Amino acid sequence: RTEQKKLKLLQKKQVQIQKEKDQLQSEHSRAVLARSKLESLCRELQRHNKTLKEETLQRAREEEEKRKEITSHFQTTLTDIQAQIEQQSERNMKLCQENTELAEKLK
């Protein structure tokens, strides 16, 4: 009888341990699945970050190129305006000199 009681207790313990084992295996499977999903999400996030970085660098290059073009255009325009001012100044000086000469002739 004592051996049968021990056997029943051991069988109950075995059933309990088997349930724990099954539960732990199930938890392990869920953990592996969650890890797999996290790794997949991590790779996707890294790809997305890489794409964003490349796009940002491309935009920065484009903006720098536009800035250089605008600066160059502005500098060209300033040079043209300075040349026109010099031409007008020379013309005004000639006209002023002609006016002075004409005024002298009229006197």
C-alpha atoms as a PDB file:
ATOM      1  CA  ARG A   1       0.000   0.000   0.000  1.00  0.00           C
ATOM      2  CA  THR A   2       2.719   2.443   0.893  1.00  0.00           C
ATOM      3  CA  GLU A   3       4.397   1.693  -2.412  1.00  0.00           C
ATOM      4  CA  GLN A   4       1.110   2.264  -4.247  1.00  0.00           C
ATOM      5  CA  LYS A   5       0.617   5.578  -2.395  1.00  0.00           C
ATOM      6  CA  LYS A   6       4.142   6.584  -3.295  1.00  0.00           C
ATOM      7  CA  LEU A   7       3.482   5.552  -6.891  1.00  0.00           C
ATOM      8  CA  LYS A   8       0.270   7.627  -7.031  1.00  0.00           C
ATOM      9  CA  LEU A   9       2.062  10.635  -5.506  1.00  0.00           C
ATOM     10  CA  LEU A  10       4.893  10.249  -7.976  1.00  0.00           C
ATOM     11  CA  GLN A  11       2.414   9.924 -10.851  1.00  0.00           C
ATOM     12  CA  LYS A  12       0.613  13.096  -9.702  1.00  0.00           C
ATOM     13  CA  LYS A  13       3.962  14.828  -9.424  1.00  0.00           C
ATOM     14  CA  GLN A  14       4.874  13.571 -12.914  1.00  0.00           C
ATOM     15  CA  VAL A  15       1.587  14.914 -14.338  1.00  0.00           C
ATOM     16  CA  GLN A  16       2.183  18.260 -12.595  1.00  0.00           C
ATOM     17  CA  ILE A  17       5.770  18.425 -13.857  1.00  0.00           C
ATOM     18  CA  GLN A  18       4.597  17.493 -17.375  1.00  0.00           C
ATOM     19  CA  LYS A  19       2.038  20.330 -17.248  1.00  0.00           C
ATOM     20  CA  GLU A  20       4.771  22.737 -16.090  1.00  0.00           C
ATOM     21  CA  LYS A  21       7.020  21.477 -18.888  1.00  0.00           C
ATOM     22  CA  ASP A  22       4.276  21.985 -21.472  1.00  0.00           C
ATOM     23  CA  GLN A  23       3.552  25.447 -20.075  1.00  0.00           C
ATOM     24  CA  LEU A  24       7.244  26.386 -20.143  1.00  0.00           C
ATOM     25  CA  GLN A  25       7.595  25.079 -23.699  1.00  0.00           C
ATOM     26  CA  SER A  26       4.579  27.130 -24.712  1.00  0.00           C
ATOM     27  CA  GLU A  27       6.051  30.240 -23.065  1.00  0.00           C
ATOM     28  CA  HIS A  28       9.369  29.516 -24.748  1.00  0.00           C
ATOM     29  CA  SER A  29       7.651  29.214 -28.142  1.00  0.00           C
ATOM     30  CA  ARG A  30       5.856  32.528 -27.568  1.00  0.00           C
ATOM     31  CA  ALA A  31       9.132  34.150 -26.504  1.00  0.00           C
ATOM     32  CA  VAL A  32      10.897  32.842 -29.626  1.00  0.00           C
ATOM     33  CA  LEU A  33       8.042  34.100 -31.809  1.00  0.00           C
ATOM     34  CA  ALA A  34       8.105  37.502 -30.077  1.00  0.00           C
ATOM     35  CA  ARG A  35      11.880  37.683 -30.511  1.00  0.00           C
ATOM     36  CA  SER A  36      11.539  36.830 -34.185  1.00  0.00           C
ATOM     37  CA  LYS A  37       8.918  39.548 -34.632  1.00  0.00           C
ATOM     38  CA  LEU A  38      11.095  42.067 -32.771  1.00  0.00           C
ATOM     39  CA  GLU A  39      14.107  41.194 -34.917  1.00  0.00           C
ATOM     40  CA  SER A  40      12.011  41.598 -38.045  1.00  0.00           C
ATOM     41  CA  LEU A  41      10.708  44.964 -36.840  1.00  0.00           C
ATOM     42  CA  CYS A  42      14.237  46.008 -35.946  1.00  0.00           C
ATOM     43  CA  ARG A  43      15.495  45.169 -39.448  1.00  0.00           C
ATOM     44  CA  GLU A  44      12.559  47.045 -40.967  1.00  0.00           C
ATOM     45  CA  LEU A  45      13.250  50.050 -38.750  1.00  0.00           C
ATOM     46  CA  GLN A  46      16.925  49.992 -39.712  1.00  0.00           C
ATOM     47  CA  ARG A  47      15.993  49.915 -43.417  1.00  0.00           C
ATOM     48  CA  HIS A  48      13.568  52.793 -42.861  1.00  0.00           C
ATOM     49  CA  ASN A  49      16.203  54.798 -40.982  1.00  0.00           C
ATOM     50  CA  LYS A  50      18.727  54.163 -43.742  1.00  0.00           C
ATOM     51  CA  THR A  51      16.225  55.320 -46.358  1.00  0.00           C
ATOM     52  CA  LEU A  52      15.419  58.451 -44.355  1.00  0.00           C
ATOM     53  CA  LYS A  53      19.107  59.211 -43.903  1.00  0.00           C
ATOM     54  CA  GLU A  54      19.757  58.841 -47.636  1.00  0.00           C
ATOM     55  CA  GLU A  55      16.763  61.037 -48.475  1.00  0.00           C
ATOM     56  CA  THR A  56      17.881  63.659 -45.971  1.00  0.00           C
ATOM     57  CA  LEU A  57      21.410  63.695 -47.381  1.00  0.00           C
ATOM     58  CA  GLN A  58      20.048  63.972 -50.918  1.00  0.00           C
ATOM     59  CA  ARG A  59      17.810  66.883 -49.928  1.00  0.00           C
ATOM     60  CA  ALA A  60      20.718  68.573 -48.179  1.00  0.00           C
ATOM     61  CA  ARG A  61      22.848  68.206 -51.330  1.00  0.00           C
ATOM     62  CA  GLU A  62      20.031  69.589 -53.481  1.00  0.00           C
ATOM     63  CA  GLU A  63      19.465  72.519 -51.122  1.00  0.00           C
ATOM     64  CA  GLU A  64      23.209  73.254 -51.065  1.00  0.00           C
ATOM     65  CA  GLU A  65      23.293  73.192 -54.873  1.00  0.00           C
ATOM     66  CA  LYS A  66      20.281  75.548 -55.043  1.00  0.00           C
ATOM     67  CA  ARG A  67      21.937  77.859 -52.522  1.00  0.00           C
ATOM     68  CA  LYS A  68      25.121  77.932 -54.609  1.00  0.00           C
ATOM     69  CA  GLU A  69      23.136  78.656 -57.787  1.00  0.00           C
ATOM     70  CA  ILE A  70      21.186  81.456 -56.096  1.00  0.00           C
ATOM     71  CA  THR A  71      24.378  82.932 -54.632  1.00  0.00           C
ATOM     72  CA  SER A  72      26.061  82.811 -58.031  1.00  0.00           C
ATOM     73  CA  HIS A  73      23.041  84.402 -59.708  1.00  0.00           C
ATOM     74  CA  PHE A  74      22.905  87.100 -57.024  1.00  0.00           C
ATOM     75  CA  GLN A  75      26.616  87.814 -57.438  1.00  0.00           C
ATOM     76  CA  THR A  76      26.223  88.055 -61.237  1.00  0.00           C
ATOM     77  CA  THR A  77      23.282  90.418 -60.824  1.00  0.00           C
ATOM     78  CA  LEU A  78      25.281  92.597 -58.420  1.00  0.00           C
ATOM     79  CA  THR A  79      28.190  92.730 -60.871  1.00  0.00           C
ATOM     80  CA  ASP A  80      25.815  93.725 -63.693  1.00  0.00           C
ATOM     81  CA  ILE A  81      24.235  96.437 -61.549  1.00  0.00           C
ATOM     82  CA  GLN A  82      27.658  97.797 -60.579  1.00  0.00           C
ATOM     83  CA  ALA A  83      28.677  97.936 -64.248  1.00  0.00           C
ATOM     84  CA  GLN A  84      25.449  99.769 -65.139  1.00  0.00           C
ATOM     85  CA  ILE A  85      26.007 102.232 -62.270  1.00  0.00           C
ATOM     86  CA  GLU A  86      29.536 102.920 -63.533  1.00  0.00           C
ATOM     87  CA  GLN A  87      28.253 103.441 -67.089  1.00  0.00           C
ATOM     88  CA  GLN A  88      25.537 105.805 -65.872  1.00  0.00           C
ATOM     89  CA  SER A  89      28.062 107.631 -63.729  1.00  0.00           C
ATOM     90  CA  GLU A  90      30.397 108.116 -66.695  1.00  0.00           C
ATOM     91  CA  ARG A  91      27.498 109.249 -68.865  1.00  0.00           C
ATOM     92  CA  ASN A  92      26.349 111.685 -66.190  1.00  0.00           C
ATOM     93  CA  MET A  93      29.861 113.052 -65.859  1.00  0.00           C
ATOM     94  CA  LYS A  94      30.057 113.564 -69.657  1.00  0.00           C
ATOM     95  CA  LEU A  95      26.645 115.238 -69.691  1.00  0.00           C
ATOM     96  CA  CYS A  96      27.671 117.429 -66.779  1.00  0.00           C
ATOM     97  CA  GLN A  97      30.856 118.384 -68.587  1.00  0.00           C
ATOM     98  CA  GLU A  98      28.882 119.110 -71.787  1.00  0.00           C
ATOM     99  CA  ASN A  99      26.446 121.228 -69.770  1.00  0.00           C
ATOM    100  CA  THR A 100      29.346 123.150 -68.281  1.00  0.00           C
ATOM    101  CA  GLU A 101      30.865 123.699 -71.725  1.00  0.00           C
ATOM    102  CA  LEU A 102      27.525 124.815 -73.151  1.00  0.00           C
ATOM    103  CA  ALA A 103      27.024 127.136 -70.198  1.00  0.00           C
ATOM    104  CA  GLU A 104      30.472 128.618 -70.861  1.00  0.00           C
ATOM    105  CA  LYS A 105      29.594 129.105 -74.552  1.00  0.00           C
ATOM    106  CA  LEU A 106      26.335 130.791 -73.608  1.00  0.00           C
ATOM    107  CA  LYS A 107      28.141 133.192 -71.327  1.00  0.00           C
END
